[in-house]
Amino acid sequence: MKKKTLSFNEIITIGFMLFALFLGAGNLIFPPYLGQLAGEQLIPAIIGFLLTGVGLPLLGILAIAKAGGDLQSIAGRVNPYFGIIFTVIVYLAIGPFFGIPRTATVAYEIGTAPFLPDGAEFSSIALLIYTVIFFAITVSFALNPTKLVDRIGKILTPILIAVIGLLAAKSIITPMGDIGAPIGNYETEAFFESFLQGYLTMDAIAALVFGIVVIQSIRAKGVEDKNSILLTTVYAGLIAAIGLSVVYLSLSYIGATSVEQVGLLDNGGAIIAASSFVLYGESGAMILAAAITFACLTTSIGLVTAAAQFFNKIAPRFSYKSYVFFFAGFSMIVANAGLTQLIAISLPVLLAIYPLAIVLVLLSFFDRAFNREPVVYILALSLTAVVSVFDGLRGAGITFEAIDNVLGILPLFSQGIGWLVPSIAGTLAGMLWVRLKGKEYHTNA
């Protein structure tokens, strides 16, 4: 049955689903660490983080909806071959080679392992049993994508919000301590430091993967009109953005008020674990375990669903269900046997492709200004890749001193976004080329 628009409750449910898909373990762990370091500079710090940690993913979702398809439809504007190759790399890197296995291992290490006896052999068996159960649940949700909205939006998301809400509410009602002084770069550059950290969460790539899940969920409810799909996606994206913002604000506040009780700790996972114990005692650890588990599970379901839908589209010889089982099974094997090695390979790949994804998204919003001429995309992405590829190589431990010295001249290179100025230069050069060619055409005519 076709529908022009969705009801208010249906839009809320899709928004909740998108919120839950984005909210992985890393999103829960980073804000408390930011809070501890930012201290009294928490407000400018969280504003900077929200701009890139929430703003960029929202733009990614809207770009996919605006394109009326998926990442391939945007990347294909450069070149059809680039479109398929780049999209496959993104899906494999953030999917079975890295993102999906990590959801299971993080959920196990933070949400389950602390409650188990010590022992390497026991831990290996426990991890195997845990990942079998974890991915069995993932498969059960992902096998029927038409019910994904209801299952995540109506079941898992409320539970996730509830457990995070328990921690946040207690920290506000009975604060652990006063907000401390800022530390390091947060003393003078709180906004910019957090702006960079939000960019490094890499949720913008996840947005390009989850975008198709949202669109398919809307279509499954009978909406086919492109404008209605775009408008519904905008609403769902705003709901997810508001939800993420509230979670980040709450968790960063927990971190900022935790120093007196738990001390300065090295990572957000340790901070939130110690804080949950201070706030709720032993039951706090159970609350944290539930939050981490549900956060990782919803992200796993979303990534498996998106990857299966994409590969079923480009290689329909195998069914959607076959891809679901394959990606879940492969991810389970990686989570148990090869995660460390694959992280060493996948992380540099992410560092190389993430800037390209950002540039693609931003160009897609105003590409009508240059008639979607491929030359603009090619120049912008080529200059971006010159920097991002070497960023990826450095991430793999491969350095070229002479090249690094040259690239080091670029603004913001040491912060990891040296590609920004070259990408802008490439865009402007491409647009100038298009304009000059247009004038030459009209002159000759």
Protein backbone atom coordinates (compact mmCIF):
# COMPACT_ATOMS: atom_id res chain seq x y z
CA MET A 1 0.00 0.00 0.00
CA LYS A 2 1.54 3.28 -1.15
CA LYS A 3 1.53 6.31 1.12
CA LYS A 4 2.46 9.93 0.48
CA THR A 5 3.85 10.55 3.94
CA LEU A 6 4.45 8.75 7.21
CA SER A 7 2.65 9.44 10.44
CA PHE A 8 4.28 11.35 13.28
CA ASN A 9 4.80 8.14 15.27
CA GLU A 10 6.38 6.37 12.26
CA ILE A 11 8.82 9.26 11.75
CA ILE A 12 9.73 9.20 15.45
CA THR A 13 10.37 5.45 15.24
CA ILE A 14 12.65 5.82 12.22
CA GLY A 15 14.47 8.66 13.96
CA PHE A 16 14.99 6.45 17.01
CA MET A 17 16.32 3.68 14.79
CA LEU A 18 18.85 6.01 13.17
CA PHE A 19 19.89 7.34 16.58
CA ALA A 20 20.53 3.81 17.83
CA LEU A 21 22.46 2.83 14.69
CA PHE A 22 24.86 5.73 15.18
CA LEU A 23 25.30 5.30 18.92
CA GLY A 24 28.09 2.73 19.11
CA ALA A 25 30.50 2.04 21.95
CA GLY A 26 32.96 4.67 20.75
CA ASN A 27 30.26 7.32 20.95
CA LEU A 28 29.62 6.39 24.58
CA ILE A 29 33.28 6.28 25.52
CA PHE A 30 34.65 9.50 24.01
CA PRO A 31 32.44 12.18 25.67
CA PRO A 32 33.42 11.32 29.28
CA TYR A 33 37.10 11.64 28.32
CA LEU A 34 36.40 14.96 26.64
CA GLY A 35 34.61 16.10 29.78
CA GLN A 36 37.56 15.30 32.03
CA LEU A 37 40.04 17.11 29.80
CA ALA A 38 37.84 20.12 29.01
CA GLY A 39 36.72 20.78 32.59
CA GLU A 40 35.57 24.39 32.90
CA GLN A 41 35.93 24.75 29.12
CA LEU A 42 33.22 22.11 28.63
CA ILE A 43 30.77 24.38 26.78
CA PRO A 44 33.07 25.47 23.89
CA ALA A 45 34.50 21.94 23.79
CA ILE A 46 31.15 20.21 23.42
CA ILE A 47 30.00 22.76 20.81
CA GLY A 48 33.08 21.97 18.72
CA PHE A 49 32.52 18.25 19.09
CA LEU A 50 28.83 18.45 18.19
CA LEU A 51 29.59 20.34 14.98
CA THR A 52 31.67 17.49 13.59
CA GLY A 53 30.53 14.51 15.67
CA VAL A 54 26.85 15.19 14.96
CA GLY A 55 26.85 17.73 12.12
CA LEU A 56 28.89 15.73 9.62
CA PRO A 57 26.90 12.49 10.09
CA LEU A 58 23.66 14.45 9.67
CA LEU A 59 24.97 15.95 6.42
CA GLY A 60 25.95 12.47 5.25
CA ILE A 61 22.44 11.12 5.83
CA LEU A 62 20.89 14.10 4.04
CA ALA A 63 23.31 13.75 1.13
CA ILE A 64 22.26 10.14 0.61
CA ALA A 65 18.58 11.08 0.77
CA LYS A 66 19.12 14.01 -1.61
CA ALA A 67 20.86 11.70 -4.08
CA GLY A 68 17.88 9.35 -3.86
CA GLY A 69 20.05 6.29 -3.49
CA ASP A 70 23.26 5.36 -1.75
CA LEU A 71 26.96 6.20 -1.60
CA GLN A 72 27.52 4.68 -5.03
CA SER A 73 25.07 7.12 -6.63
CA ILE A 74 27.10 10.04 -5.25
CA ALA A 75 30.56 8.57 -5.92
CA GLY A 76 29.44 7.62 -9.43
CA ARG A 77 29.28 11.32 -10.30
CA VAL A 78 33.06 11.24 -10.45
CA ASN A 79 33.19 8.17 -12.64
CA PRO A 80 31.11 4.96 -12.70
CA TYR A 81 34.18 2.81 -11.96
CA PHE A 82 35.25 5.08 -9.12
CA GLY A 83 31.69 4.91 -7.79
CA ILE A 84 31.68 1.13 -7.45
CA ILE A 85 35.29 0.73 -6.28
CA PHE A 86 35.17 3.46 -3.66
CA THR A 87 31.82 2.27 -2.32
CA VAL A 88 32.99 -1.35 -2.05
CA ILE A 89 36.09 -0.22 -0.12
CA VAL A 90 33.97 1.86 2.27
CA TYR A 91 31.50 -0.94 2.94
CA LEU A 92 34.20 -3.56 3.49
CA ALA A 93 36.31 -1.30 5.71
CA ILE A 94 33.52 -0.11 7.99
CA GLY A 95 31.72 -3.44 7.73
CA PRO A 96 33.13 -6.98 8.02
CA PHE A 97 36.81 -6.02 7.97
CA PHE A 98 36.62 -3.61 10.90
CA GLY A 99 33.40 -2.03 12.11
CA ILE A 100 31.18 -5.09 12.59
CA PRO A 101 33.76 -7.29 14.38
CA ARG A 102 34.68 -4.39 16.66
CA THR A 103 31.09 -4.03 17.86
CA ALA A 104 31.19 -7.58 19.23
CA THR A 105 34.65 -7.36 20.82
CA VAL A 106 33.97 -3.99 22.47
CA ALA A 107 30.62 -5.22 23.81
CA TYR A 108 32.34 -8.29 25.21
CA GLU A 109 35.33 -6.53 26.73
CA ILE A 110 33.34 -3.75 28.42
CA GLY A 111 29.92 -5.30 28.91
CA THR A 112 30.71 -8.93 29.76
CA ALA A 113 34.38 -9.71 30.42
CA PRO A 114 34.54 -7.74 33.72
CA PHE A 115 31.99 -10.18 35.22
CA LEU A 116 33.87 -13.35 34.17
CA PRO A 117 36.72 -15.22 35.89
CA ASP A 118 40.27 -14.53 34.75
CA GLY A 119 42.21 -16.88 32.49
CA ALA A 120 43.30 -16.66 28.88
CA GLU A 121 41.89 -20.04 27.84
CA PHE A 122 38.57 -19.36 29.54
CA SER A 123 38.44 -15.90 27.96
CA SER A 124 38.90 -17.35 24.46
CA ILE A 125 36.06 -19.80 24.97
CA ALA A 126 33.87 -17.13 26.55
CA LEU A 127 34.53 -14.75 23.63
CA LEU A 128 33.60 -17.48 21.14
CA ILE A 129 30.33 -18.25 22.93
CA TYR A 130 29.57 -14.54 23.29
CA THR A 131 30.17 -13.72 19.61
CA VAL A 132 28.03 -16.67 18.51
CA ILE A 133 25.14 -15.31 20.57
CA PHE A 134 25.87 -11.70 19.60
CA PHE A 135 25.83 -12.38 15.86
CA ALA A 136 22.87 -14.76 16.13
CA ILE A 137 20.88 -11.83 17.54
CA THR A 138 22.30 -9.58 14.82
CA VAL A 139 21.18 -12.02 12.12
CA SER A 140 17.71 -12.43 13.63
CA PHE A 141 17.15 -8.67 13.41
CA ALA A 142 18.85 -8.17 10.04
CA LEU A 143 17.17 -11.04 8.19
CA ASN A 144 13.94 -9.11 7.84
CA PRO A 145 14.92 -5.49 7.08
CA THR A 146 11.27 -4.47 6.67
CA LYS A 147 10.85 -4.98 10.42
CA LEU A 148 14.17 -3.33 11.30
CA VAL A 149 12.53 0.00 12.14
CA ASP A 150 10.02 -1.51 14.54
CA ARG A 151 12.52 -3.85 16.17
CA ILE A 152 15.22 -1.26 16.79
CA GLY A 153 13.12 1.88 16.97
CA LYS A 154 10.52 0.42 19.31
CA ILE A 155 12.49 -2.20 21.27
CA LEU A 156 16.24 -1.62 21.50
CA THR A 157 16.35 2.19 21.36
CA PRO A 158 14.07 2.81 24.37
CA ILE A 159 16.17 0.35 26.41
CA LEU A 160 19.35 2.10 25.33
CA ILE A 161 17.94 5.53 26.20
CA ALA A 162 16.76 4.25 29.57
CA VAL A 163 20.13 2.89 30.71
CA ILE A 164 21.99 6.02 29.59
CA GLY A 165 19.32 8.14 31.22
CA LEU A 166 19.82 6.39 34.56
CA LEU A 167 23.50 7.32 34.58
CA ALA A 168 22.92 10.89 33.40
CA ALA A 169 20.07 11.60 35.81
CA LYS A 170 21.99 10.37 38.85
CA SER A 171 25.05 12.43 37.89
CA ILE A 172 22.91 15.58 37.71
CA ILE A 173 20.90 14.93 40.89
CA THR A 174 23.93 13.92 42.95
CA PRO A 175 27.07 15.19 41.15
CA MET A 176 30.28 13.33 41.87
CA GLY A 177 32.17 16.58 42.32
CA ASP A 178 32.89 20.03 40.96
CA ILE A 179 33.95 20.60 37.38
CA GLY A 180 37.75 20.76 37.26
CA ALA A 181 40.27 22.88 35.41
CA PRO A 182 40.92 22.26 31.69
CA ILE A 183 43.96 20.19 30.74
CA GLY A 184 46.45 20.48 27.86
CA ASN A 185 45.14 21.91 24.61
CA TYR A 186 41.72 22.35 26.19
CA GLU A 187 43.07 25.27 28.24
CA THR A 188 43.31 27.56 25.21
CA GLU A 189 41.87 25.63 22.23
CA ALA A 190 38.93 23.71 23.67
CA PHE A 191 36.63 24.36 20.71
CA PHE A 192 39.15 23.49 18.00
CA GLU A 193 40.55 20.45 19.83
CA SER A 194 37.07 18.95 20.22
CA PHE A 195 36.16 19.93 16.66
CA LEU A 196 39.02 17.72 15.46
CA GLN A 197 38.11 14.89 17.80
CA GLY A 198 34.53 14.91 16.55
CA TYR A 199 35.82 14.63 13.00
CA LEU A 200 37.96 11.65 13.99
CA THR A 201 34.96 9.67 15.26
CA MET A 202 34.41 8.71 11.58
CA ASP A 203 30.65 8.70 11.95
CA ALA A 204 30.39 10.55 8.63
CA ILE A 205 31.32 7.31 6.87
CA ALA A 206 28.78 5.41 8.95
CA ALA A 207 26.17 7.92 7.78
CA LEU A 208 26.87 7.02 4.15
CA VAL A 209 26.32 3.37 5.04
CA PHE A 210 23.23 3.89 7.22
CA GLY A 211 21.59 6.27 4.76
CA ILE A 212 20.39 3.45 2.54
CA VAL A 213 18.98 1.62 5.60
CA VAL A 214 16.84 4.65 6.42
CA ILE A 215 15.64 5.07 2.83
CA GLN A 216 14.76 1.37 2.52
CA SER A 217 12.89 1.54 5.84
CA ILE A 218 10.83 4.49 4.60
CA ARG A 219 10.07 2.75 1.30
CA ALA A 220 9.10 -0.42 3.15
CA LYS A 221 6.31 1.58 4.78
CA GLY A 222 4.88 2.45 1.36
CA VAL A 223 6.43 5.87 0.64
CA GLU A 224 7.91 6.16 -2.87
CA ASP A 225 7.83 9.89 -3.62
CA LYS A 226 11.40 11.28 -3.65
CA ASN A 227 10.48 14.54 -1.95
CA SER A 228 8.58 12.71 0.79
CA ILE A 229 11.53 10.36 1.35
CA LEU A 230 13.90 13.32 1.54
CA LEU A 231 11.65 15.21 3.97
CA THR A 232 11.16 12.13 6.17
CA THR A 233 14.91 11.53 6.20
CA VAL A 234 15.48 15.15 7.25
CA TYR A 235 13.09 14.70 10.19
CA ALA A 236 14.64 11.35 11.16
CA GLY A 237 18.12 12.84 10.89
CA LEU A 238 17.18 15.74 13.15
CA ILE A 239 15.70 13.35 15.73
CA ALA A 240 18.90 11.28 15.69
CA ALA A 241 21.04 14.42 15.90
CA ILE A 242 19.09 15.69 18.92
CA GLY A 243 19.37 12.30 20.60
CA LEU A 244 23.11 12.09 20.00
CA SER A 245 23.57 15.65 21.25
CA VAL A 246 21.73 14.92 24.50
CA VAL A 247 23.79 11.77 25.07
CA TYR A 248 27.06 13.58 24.37
CA LEU A 249 26.11 16.45 26.69
CA SER A 250 25.14 14.04 29.47
CA LEU A 251 28.22 11.84 29.23
CA SER A 252 30.62 14.77 28.91
CA TYR A 253 29.07 16.25 32.05
CA ILE A 254 29.63 12.94 33.84
CA GLY A 255 33.29 13.09 32.80
CA ALA A 256 33.70 16.73 33.81
CA THR A 257 32.35 16.10 37.34
CA SER A 258 34.11 12.76 37.88
CA VAL A 259 37.71 13.83 38.52
CA GLU A 260 37.37 14.22 42.29
CA GLN A 261 35.97 10.71 42.71
CA VAL A 262 37.74 8.62 40.05
CA GLY A 263 40.82 10.72 39.21
CA LEU A 264 42.22 11.48 35.77
CA LEU A 265 42.00 8.33 33.67
CA ASP A 266 43.51 7.47 30.29
CA ASN A 267 40.35 6.65 28.34
CA GLY A 268 36.62 7.20 28.34
CA GLY A 269 35.83 3.54 28.90
CA ALA A 270 37.64 3.56 32.24
CA ILE A 271 36.01 6.88 33.18
CA ILE A 272 32.45 5.77 32.48
CA ALA A 273 33.05 2.40 34.18
CA ALA A 274 34.44 4.03 37.35
CA SER A 275 31.73 6.69 37.31
CA SER A 276 28.94 4.13 37.00
CA PHE A 277 30.31 2.36 40.08
CA VAL A 278 30.44 5.64 42.04
CA LEU A 279 26.90 6.58 41.00
CA TYR A 280 25.19 3.21 41.47
CA GLY A 281 27.66 0.88 43.14
CA GLU A 282 27.87 -2.64 41.75
CA SER A 283 24.57 -2.20 39.96
CA GLY A 284 26.21 0.66 38.05
CA ALA A 285 28.47 -1.82 36.30
CA MET A 286 25.40 -3.73 35.20
CA ILE A 287 23.79 -0.55 33.86
CA LEU A 288 26.95 0.28 31.91
CA ALA A 289 27.17 -3.27 30.56
CA ALA A 290 23.59 -3.01 29.30
CA ALA A 291 24.22 0.38 27.64
CA ILE A 292 27.39 -0.79 25.88
CA THR A 293 25.83 -4.09 24.79
CA PHE A 294 22.72 -2.51 23.28
CA ALA A 295 24.74 0.26 21.65
CA CYS A 296 27.08 -2.22 19.97
CA LEU A 297 24.26 -4.57 19.02
CA THR A 298 22.22 -1.91 17.22
CA THR A 299 25.31 -0.71 15.34
CA SER A 300 26.13 -4.29 14.33
CA ILE A 301 22.59 -4.85 13.05
CA GLY A 302 22.71 -1.64 11.03
CA LEU A 303 26.08 -2.37 9.47
CA VAL A 304 25.20 -5.97 8.54
CA THR A 305 21.89 -4.84 7.05
CA ALA A 306 23.48 -2.02 5.03
CA ALA A 307 26.33 -4.19 3.74
CA ALA A 308 23.97 -7.02 2.75
CA GLN A 309 21.63 -4.62 0.93
CA PHE A 310 24.47 -2.99 -0.97
CA PHE A 311 26.19 -6.19 -2.11
CA ASN A 312 22.86 -7.78 -3.00
CA LYS A 313 22.27 -4.74 -5.24
CA ILE A 314 25.60 -4.95 -7.09
CA ALA A 315 25.83 -8.77 -7.11
CA PRO A 316 22.22 -10.08 -6.99
CA ARG A 317 23.36 -13.62 -7.81
CA PHE A 318 23.39 -14.18 -4.05
CA SER A 319 20.33 -13.37 -1.97
CA TYR A 320 20.12 -10.70 0.71
CA LYS A 321 19.83 -13.40 3.39
CA SER A 322 22.97 -15.11 2.10
CA TYR A 323 24.92 -11.89 2.50
CA VAL A 324 23.52 -11.40 6.02
CA PHE A 325 24.76 -14.83 7.09
CA PHE A 326 28.10 -14.36 5.31
CA PHE A 327 28.89 -10.96 6.81
CA ALA A 328 27.77 -12.01 10.29
CA GLY A 329 29.76 -15.26 10.10
CA PHE A 330 32.87 -13.59 8.69
CA SER A 331 32.69 -10.87 11.34
CA MET A 332 32.38 -13.48 14.07
CA ILE A 333 35.56 -15.19 12.84
CA VAL A 334 37.43 -11.91 12.66
CA ALA A 335 36.26 -10.90 16.14
CA ASN A 336 37.73 -14.13 17.54
CA ALA A 337 40.87 -14.62 15.48
CA GLY A 338 42.07 -11.67 13.49
CA LEU A 339 40.76 -8.39 14.78
CA THR A 340 44.10 -6.94 15.88
CA GLN A 341 45.72 -7.70 12.52
CA LEU A 342 42.78 -6.42 10.52
CA ILE A 343 42.62 -3.22 12.56
CA ALA A 344 46.24 -2.62 11.58
CA ILE A 345 45.17 -2.88 7.94
CA SER A 346 41.72 -1.31 8.11
CA LEU A 347 42.46 1.78 10.20
CA PRO A 348 44.93 3.23 7.66
CA VAL A 349 42.34 2.56 4.96
CA LEU A 350 39.75 4.50 6.95
CA LEU A 351 42.19 7.38 7.42
CA ALA A 352 42.74 7.46 3.65
CA ILE A 353 39.09 7.26 2.54
CA TYR A 354 37.39 9.32 5.26
CA PRO A 355 38.42 12.73 3.85
CA LEU A 356 37.31 11.60 0.39
CA ALA A 357 33.90 10.71 1.79
CA ILE A 358 33.58 14.12 3.47
CA VAL A 359 34.49 15.97 0.26
CA LEU A 360 32.03 13.86 -1.75
CA VAL A 361 29.23 14.67 0.69
CA LEU A 362 29.94 18.41 0.76
CA LEU A 363 30.24 18.68 -3.03
CA SER A 364 26.93 16.83 -3.48
CA PHE A 365 25.04 19.68 -1.81
CA PHE A 366 26.01 22.32 -4.35
CA ASP A 367 27.07 20.34 -7.43
CA ARG A 368 24.33 21.94 -9.51
CA ALA A 369 26.39 25.13 -9.28
CA PHE A 370 28.89 23.47 -11.62
CA ASN A 371 26.37 21.26 -13.49
CA ARG A 372 27.81 18.16 -11.81
CA GLU A 373 30.81 18.36 -14.11
CA PRO A 374 33.13 15.43 -13.17
CA VAL A 375 36.22 17.66 -13.47
CA VAL A 376 35.30 19.46 -10.23
CA TYR A 377 34.92 16.19 -8.35
CA ILE A 378 38.13 14.81 -9.89
CA LEU A 379 40.29 17.82 -9.01
CA ALA A 380 38.88 18.16 -5.47
CA LEU A 381 39.20 14.45 -4.70
CA SER A 382 42.62 14.07 -6.34
CA LEU A 383 44.16 16.84 -4.25
CA THR A 384 42.40 15.49 -1.16
CA ALA A 385 43.76 12.00 -1.85
CA VAL A 386 47.33 13.28 -2.19
CA VAL A 387 47.20 14.14 1.51
CA SER A 388 44.80 11.51 2.87
CA VAL A 389 46.61 8.56 1.28
CA PHE A 390 49.84 9.57 2.99
CA ASP A 391 47.89 10.01 6.23
CA GLY A 392 46.79 6.41 5.81
CA LEU A 393 50.31 5.23 5.09
CA ARG A 394 51.55 6.97 8.23
CA GLY A 395 48.80 5.22 10.14
CA ALA A 396 50.26 1.94 8.87
CA GLY A 397 53.75 2.97 10.02
CA ILE A 398 54.99 3.78 6.50
CA THR A 399 56.56 7.24 6.32
CA PHE A 400 58.30 9.27 3.62
CA GLU A 401 60.24 12.04 5.28
CA ALA A 402 60.63 14.19 2.18
CA ILE A 403 56.91 14.04 1.37
CA ASP A 404 55.94 14.66 4.99
CA ASN A 405 58.16 17.75 5.03
CA VAL A 406 56.40 19.11 1.95
CA LEU A 407 52.89 18.26 3.17
CA GLY A 408 53.77 19.63 6.60
CA ILE A 409 53.58 23.14 5.13
CA LEU A 410 49.82 22.74 4.73
CA PRO A 411 47.59 24.34 7.38
CA LEU A 412 46.21 21.86 9.94
CA PHE A 413 48.43 19.04 8.63
CA SER A 414 49.70 18.09 12.09
CA GLN A 415 46.09 17.87 13.33
CA GLY A 416 45.20 15.35 10.64
CA ILE A 417 43.16 17.57 8.32
CA GLY A 418 45.86 18.85 6.04
CA TRP A 419 43.62 17.77 3.15
CA LEU A 420 41.15 20.60 3.81
CA VAL A 421 42.94 23.42 1.94
CA PRO A 422 43.89 21.23 -1.08
CA SER A 423 40.29 20.03 -1.38
CA ILE A 424 39.02 23.63 -1.41
CA ALA A 425 41.70 24.59 -3.94
CA GLY A 426 40.73 21.66 -6.17
CA THR A 427 37.04 22.57 -5.98
CA LEU A 428 37.69 26.21 -6.90
CA ALA A 429 40.04 25.22 -9.73
CA GLY A 430 37.46 22.83 -11.11
CA MET A 431 34.67 25.39 -10.94
CA LEU A 432 36.91 27.96 -12.68
CA TRP A 433 37.68 25.41 -15.41
CA VAL A 434 33.95 24.76 -15.93
CA ARG A 435 33.21 28.48 -16.14
CA LEU A 436 36.05 29.15 -18.61
CA LYS A 437 35.02 26.21 -20.79
CA GLY A 438 31.45 27.53 -20.75
CA LYS A 439 32.57 30.98 -21.87
CA GLU A 440 34.75 29.46 -24.60
CA TYR A 441 31.78 27.39 -25.82
CA HIS A 442 29.47 30.43 -25.99
CA THR A 443 32.19 32.54 -27.68
CA ASN A 444 32.80 29.91 -30.37
CA ALA A 445 29.08 29.42 -30.86
